Amino acid sequence: MDAGRNVGSLTARTMPLLDTYGEDIFRAAVAEVLAGTSHDHHGVAVACEKLRRKTDRPVPLDVPLGSHVNERDVIPHSLESYDVRHKRRP
């Protein structure tokens, strides 16, 4: 408020981060930002992502797939077959 920022707008832009990252990460991120000199919602988003990576949690994005997608899981495999150096030519 001292910086002339619209608190309602900042709150509206920041609250989706609570839904995305969860209460624990959001609370820690807000505390981290408030402990510094920033009061920007982008700073909270960066702090949330930093804390998510630190705790090794999955990326909090829901990617909706249509019902026509049969195979939704990607099974990792060795990438060696893509390496040209390992392929033999006749």
N, C-alpha and C. Protein backbone atom coordinates (compact mmCIF):
# COMPACT_ATOMS: atom_id res chain seq x y z
N MET A 1 0.82 -1.18 0.00
CA MET A 1 0.00 0.00 0.00
C MET A 1 0.87 1.25 0.00
N ASP A 2 1.99 1.20 0.70
CA ASP A 2 2.87 2.36 0.73
C ASP A 2 3.43 2.68 -0.65
N ALA A 3 3.55 1.67 -1.50
CA ALA A 3 4.12 1.87 -2.83
C ALA A 3 3.04 2.27 -3.84
N GLY A 4 1.83 2.46 -3.38
CA GLY A 4 0.75 2.85 -4.27
C GLY A 4 0.20 1.72 -5.11
N ARG A 5 0.43 0.49 -4.70
CA ARG A 5 -0.06 -0.68 -5.44
C ARG A 5 -1.48 -1.00 -5.03
N ASN A 6 -2.24 -1.56 -5.93
CA ASN A 6 -3.61 -1.96 -5.67
C ASN A 6 -3.59 -3.32 -4.98
N VAL A 7 -3.93 -3.35 -3.71
CA VAL A 7 -3.86 -4.59 -2.92
C VAL A 7 -4.83 -5.63 -3.46
N GLY A 8 -6.00 -5.19 -3.89
CA GLY A 8 -6.98 -6.13 -4.44
C GLY A 8 -6.45 -6.82 -5.69
N SER A 9 -5.82 -6.07 -6.55
CA SER A 9 -5.25 -6.62 -7.77
C SER A 9 -4.11 -7.58 -7.45
N LEU A 10 -3.24 -7.20 -6.53
CA LEU A 10 -2.13 -8.08 -6.13
C LEU A 10 -2.65 -9.39 -5.54
N THR A 11 -3.69 -9.28 -4.73
CA THR A 11 -4.28 -10.47 -4.11
C THR A 11 -4.90 -11.37 -5.17
N ALA A 12 -5.64 -10.79 -6.10
CA ALA A 12 -6.28 -11.58 -7.16
C ALA A 12 -5.25 -12.29 -8.03
N ARG A 13 -4.12 -11.67 -8.25
CA ARG A 13 -3.08 -12.28 -9.08
C ARG A 13 -2.26 -13.32 -8.31
N THR A 14 -2.22 -13.19 -7.01
CA THR A 14 -1.40 -14.08 -6.19
C THR A 14 -2.16 -15.33 -5.75
N MET A 15 -3.44 -15.23 -5.52
CA MET A 15 -4.20 -16.36 -4.97
C MET A 15 -4.20 -17.62 -5.83
N PRO A 16 -4.17 -17.53 -7.15
CA PRO A 16 -4.07 -18.79 -7.91
C PRO A 16 -2.82 -19.61 -7.59
N LEU A 17 -1.78 -18.94 -7.10
CA LEU A 17 -0.57 -19.68 -6.71
C LEU A 17 -0.85 -20.60 -5.53
N LEU A 18 -1.75 -20.19 -4.65
CA LEU A 18 -2.13 -21.03 -3.52
C LEU A 18 -2.78 -22.32 -4.02
N ASP A 19 -3.67 -22.19 -4.99
CA ASP A 19 -4.32 -23.38 -5.55
C ASP A 19 -3.34 -24.26 -6.31
N THR A 20 -2.39 -23.65 -6.97
CA THR A 20 -1.44 -24.39 -7.79
C THR A 20 -0.38 -25.11 -6.96
N TYR A 21 0.19 -24.40 -6.00
CA TYR A 21 1.34 -24.95 -5.25
C TYR A 21 0.98 -25.52 -3.89
N GLY A 22 -0.18 -25.22 -3.38
CA GLY A 22 -0.56 -25.73 -2.06
C GLY A 22 -0.17 -24.77 -0.95
N GLU A 23 -0.77 -24.98 0.19
CA GLU A 23 -0.62 -24.06 1.31
C GLU A 23 0.81 -23.96 1.85
N ASP A 24 1.49 -25.09 1.99
CA ASP A 24 2.84 -25.07 2.58
C ASP A 24 3.82 -24.25 1.75
N ILE A 25 3.88 -24.55 0.47
CA ILE A 25 4.81 -23.83 -0.41
C ILE A 25 4.40 -22.37 -0.54
N PHE A 26 3.11 -22.12 -0.68
CA PHE A 26 2.63 -20.75 -0.83
C PHE A 26 2.98 -19.91 0.40
N ARG A 27 2.74 -20.46 1.57
CA ARG A 27 3.02 -19.73 2.81
C ARG A 27 4.52 -19.41 2.92
N ALA A 28 5.35 -20.39 2.63
CA ALA A 28 6.80 -20.18 2.70
C ALA A 28 7.26 -19.16 1.66
N ALA A 29 6.67 -19.20 0.48
CA ALA A 29 7.05 -18.26 -0.58
C ALA A 29 6.66 -16.84 -0.21
N VAL A 30 5.46 -16.66 0.32
CA VAL A 30 5.03 -15.32 0.73
C VAL A 30 5.94 -14.80 1.84
N ALA A 31 6.27 -15.64 2.80
CA ALA A 31 7.16 -15.22 3.89
C ALA A 31 8.53 -14.81 3.33
N GLU A 32 9.03 -15.58 2.36
CA GLU A 32 10.33 -15.27 1.77
C GLU A 32 10.29 -13.92 1.04
N VAL A 33 9.24 -13.67 0.30
CA VAL A 33 9.12 -12.42 -0.45
C VAL A 33 8.95 -11.24 0.51
N LEU A 34 8.14 -11.41 1.52
CA LEU A 34 7.91 -10.32 2.48
C LEU A 34 9.16 -10.02 3.31
N ALA A 35 10.02 -11.03 3.50
CA ALA A 35 11.26 -10.81 4.25
C ALA A 35 12.25 -9.97 3.46
N GLY A 36 12.08 -9.94 2.15
CA GLY A 36 12.95 -9.14 1.29
C GLY A 36 12.33 -7.78 1.04
N THR A 37 12.71 -7.19 -0.05
CA THR A 37 12.21 -5.85 -0.37
C THR A 37 11.09 -5.88 -1.40
N SER A 38 10.78 -7.03 -1.93
CA SER A 38 9.77 -7.14 -2.99
C SER A 38 8.38 -7.31 -2.40
N HIS A 39 7.39 -6.91 -3.16
CA HIS A 39 6.00 -7.15 -2.79
C HIS A 39 5.20 -7.45 -4.05
N ASP A 40 5.86 -8.05 -5.01
CA ASP A 40 5.26 -8.32 -6.30
C ASP A 40 4.79 -9.77 -6.39
N HIS A 41 3.66 -9.99 -7.05
CA HIS A 41 3.15 -11.36 -7.17
C HIS A 41 4.07 -12.24 -8.01
N HIS A 42 4.83 -11.64 -8.90
CA HIS A 42 5.78 -12.44 -9.68
C HIS A 42 6.89 -13.00 -8.78
N GLY A 43 7.28 -12.24 -7.78
CA GLY A 43 8.27 -12.72 -6.81
C GLY A 43 7.76 -13.92 -6.04
N VAL A 44 6.48 -13.89 -5.71
CA VAL A 44 5.87 -15.03 -5.01
C VAL A 44 5.85 -16.25 -5.94
N ALA A 45 5.54 -16.04 -7.21
CA ALA A 45 5.52 -17.15 -8.16
C ALA A 45 6.91 -17.77 -8.31
N VAL A 46 7.93 -16.94 -8.39
CA VAL A 46 9.30 -17.44 -8.51
C VAL A 46 9.69 -18.21 -7.25
N ALA A 47 9.34 -17.68 -6.09
CA ALA A 47 9.66 -18.35 -4.82
C ALA A 47 8.92 -19.67 -4.71
N CYS A 48 7.66 -19.71 -5.16
CA CYS A 48 6.90 -20.96 -5.14
C CYS A 48 7.59 -22.02 -5.99
N GLU A 49 8.00 -21.64 -7.18
CA GLU A 49 8.65 -22.60 -8.08
C GLU A 49 9.99 -23.06 -7.51
N LYS A 50 10.72 -22.14 -6.92
CA LYS A 50 12.01 -22.50 -6.31
C LYS A 50 11.80 -23.51 -5.18
N LEU A 51 10.80 -23.27 -4.37
CA LEU A 51 10.52 -24.18 -3.25
C LEU A 51 9.98 -25.52 -3.75
N ARG A 52 9.21 -25.50 -4.82
CA ARG A 52 8.70 -26.75 -5.40
C ARG A 52 9.87 -27.62 -5.86
N ARG A 53 10.82 -27.00 -6.55
CA ARG A 53 11.98 -27.75 -7.03
C ARG A 53 12.83 -28.27 -5.87
N LYS A 54 12.97 -27.45 -4.86
CA LYS A 54 13.78 -27.84 -3.69
C LYS A 54 13.18 -29.06 -2.99
N THR A 55 11.86 -29.14 -2.95
CA THR A 55 11.19 -30.27 -2.30
C THR A 55 10.93 -31.42 -3.26
N ASP A 56 11.38 -31.25 -4.53
CA ASP A 56 11.27 -32.30 -5.54
C ASP A 56 9.83 -32.74 -5.78
N ARG A 57 8.92 -31.80 -5.73
CA ARG A 57 7.52 -32.10 -6.03
C ARG A 57 7.30 -32.00 -7.53
N PRO A 58 6.29 -32.71 -8.04
CA PRO A 58 6.04 -32.64 -9.48
C PRO A 58 5.55 -31.26 -9.91
N VAL A 59 5.69 -30.98 -11.19
CA VAL A 59 5.22 -29.72 -11.74
C VAL A 59 3.70 -29.67 -11.56
N PRO A 60 3.20 -28.59 -10.97
CA PRO A 60 1.77 -28.54 -10.63
C PRO A 60 0.88 -28.11 -11.79
N LEU A 61 0.98 -28.79 -12.89
CA LEU A 61 0.15 -28.45 -14.03
C LEU A 61 -0.72 -29.63 -14.40
N ASP A 62 -1.99 -29.37 -14.55
CA ASP A 62 -2.91 -30.39 -14.98
C ASP A 62 -3.08 -30.24 -16.49
N VAL A 63 -2.66 -31.24 -17.21
CA VAL A 63 -2.77 -31.19 -18.66
C VAL A 63 -3.95 -32.07 -19.05
N PRO A 64 -5.06 -31.45 -19.39
CA PRO A 64 -6.24 -32.26 -19.74
C PRO A 64 -6.05 -32.93 -21.10
N LEU A 65 -6.25 -34.21 -21.13
CA LEU A 65 -6.15 -34.98 -22.36
C LEU A 65 -7.54 -35.44 -22.76
N GLY A 66 -7.82 -35.40 -24.01
CA GLY A 66 -9.12 -35.84 -24.50
C GLY A 66 -9.34 -37.32 -24.27
N SER A 67 -10.60 -37.71 -24.30
CA SER A 67 -10.93 -39.12 -24.07
C SER A 67 -10.41 -40.00 -25.21
N HIS A 68 -10.06 -39.40 -26.34
CA HIS A 68 -9.52 -40.16 -27.46
C HIS A 68 -8.07 -40.57 -27.26
N VAL A 69 -7.42 -40.06 -26.22
CA VAL A 69 -6.02 -40.41 -25.96
C VAL A 69 -6.01 -41.70 -25.14
N ASN A 70 -5.55 -42.77 -25.79
CA ASN A 70 -5.56 -44.09 -25.13
C ASN A 70 -4.39 -44.27 -24.18
N GLU A 71 -3.21 -43.88 -24.61
CA GLU A 71 -2.01 -44.09 -23.82
C GLU A 71 -1.59 -42.75 -23.20
N ARG A 72 -1.79 -42.62 -21.92
CA ARG A 72 -1.52 -41.36 -21.24
C ARG A 72 -0.17 -41.36 -20.53
N ASP A 73 0.37 -42.52 -20.25
CA ASP A 73 1.63 -42.61 -19.55
C ASP A 73 2.76 -42.82 -20.54
N VAL A 74 3.84 -42.11 -20.34
CA VAL A 74 5.02 -42.28 -21.18
C VAL A 74 6.02 -43.12 -20.40
N ILE A 75 6.35 -44.26 -20.94
CA ILE A 75 7.29 -45.16 -20.29
C ILE A 75 8.70 -44.81 -20.77
N PRO A 76 9.58 -44.36 -19.86
CA PRO A 76 10.93 -43.99 -20.30
C PRO A 76 11.71 -45.22 -20.76
N HIS A 77 12.56 -45.01 -21.73
CA HIS A 77 13.41 -46.08 -22.23
C HIS A 77 14.78 -45.50 -22.55
N SER A 78 15.71 -46.40 -22.81
CA SER A 78 17.06 -45.97 -23.13
C SER A 78 17.07 -45.16 -24.42
N LEU A 79 17.79 -44.07 -24.40
CA LEU A 79 17.87 -43.21 -25.59
C LEU A 79 19.05 -43.61 -26.48
N GLU A 80 19.72 -44.67 -26.12
CA GLU A 80 20.88 -45.11 -26.87
C GLU A 80 20.56 -45.40 -28.33
N SER A 81 19.37 -45.88 -28.60
CA SER A 81 19.01 -46.21 -29.98
C SER A 81 18.94 -44.98 -30.87
N TYR A 82 18.83 -43.80 -30.29
CA TYR A 82 18.79 -42.56 -31.06
C TYR A 82 20.19 -42.00 -31.34
N ASP A 83 21.18 -42.54 -30.71
CA ASP A 83 22.53 -42.03 -30.84
C ASP A 83 23.18 -42.62 -32.09
N VAL A 84 23.54 -41.79 -33.05
CA VAL A 84 24.11 -42.23 -34.32
C VAL A 84 25.42 -42.97 -34.11
N ARG A 85 26.17 -42.61 -33.13
CA ARG A 85 27.49 -43.24 -32.90
C ARG A 85 27.36 -44.72 -32.59
N HIS A 86 26.21 -45.15 -32.04
CA HIS A 86 26.04 -46.55 -31.66
C HIS A 86 25.46 -47.39 -32.79
N LYS A 87 25.01 -46.76 -33.85
CA LYS A 87 24.42 -47.51 -34.94
C LYS A 87 25.52 -47.98 -35.88
N ARG A 88 25.41 -49.18 -36.32
CA ARG A 88 26.38 -49.74 -37.27
C ARG A 88 25.81 -49.63 -38.67
N ARG A 89 26.67 -49.26 -39.56
CA ARG A 89 26.24 -49.18 -40.98
C ARG A 89 26.79 -50.39 -41.72
N PRO A 90 26.03 -50.94 -42.65
CA PRO A 90 26.50 -52.11 -43.41
C PRO A 90 27.65 -51.81 -44.31
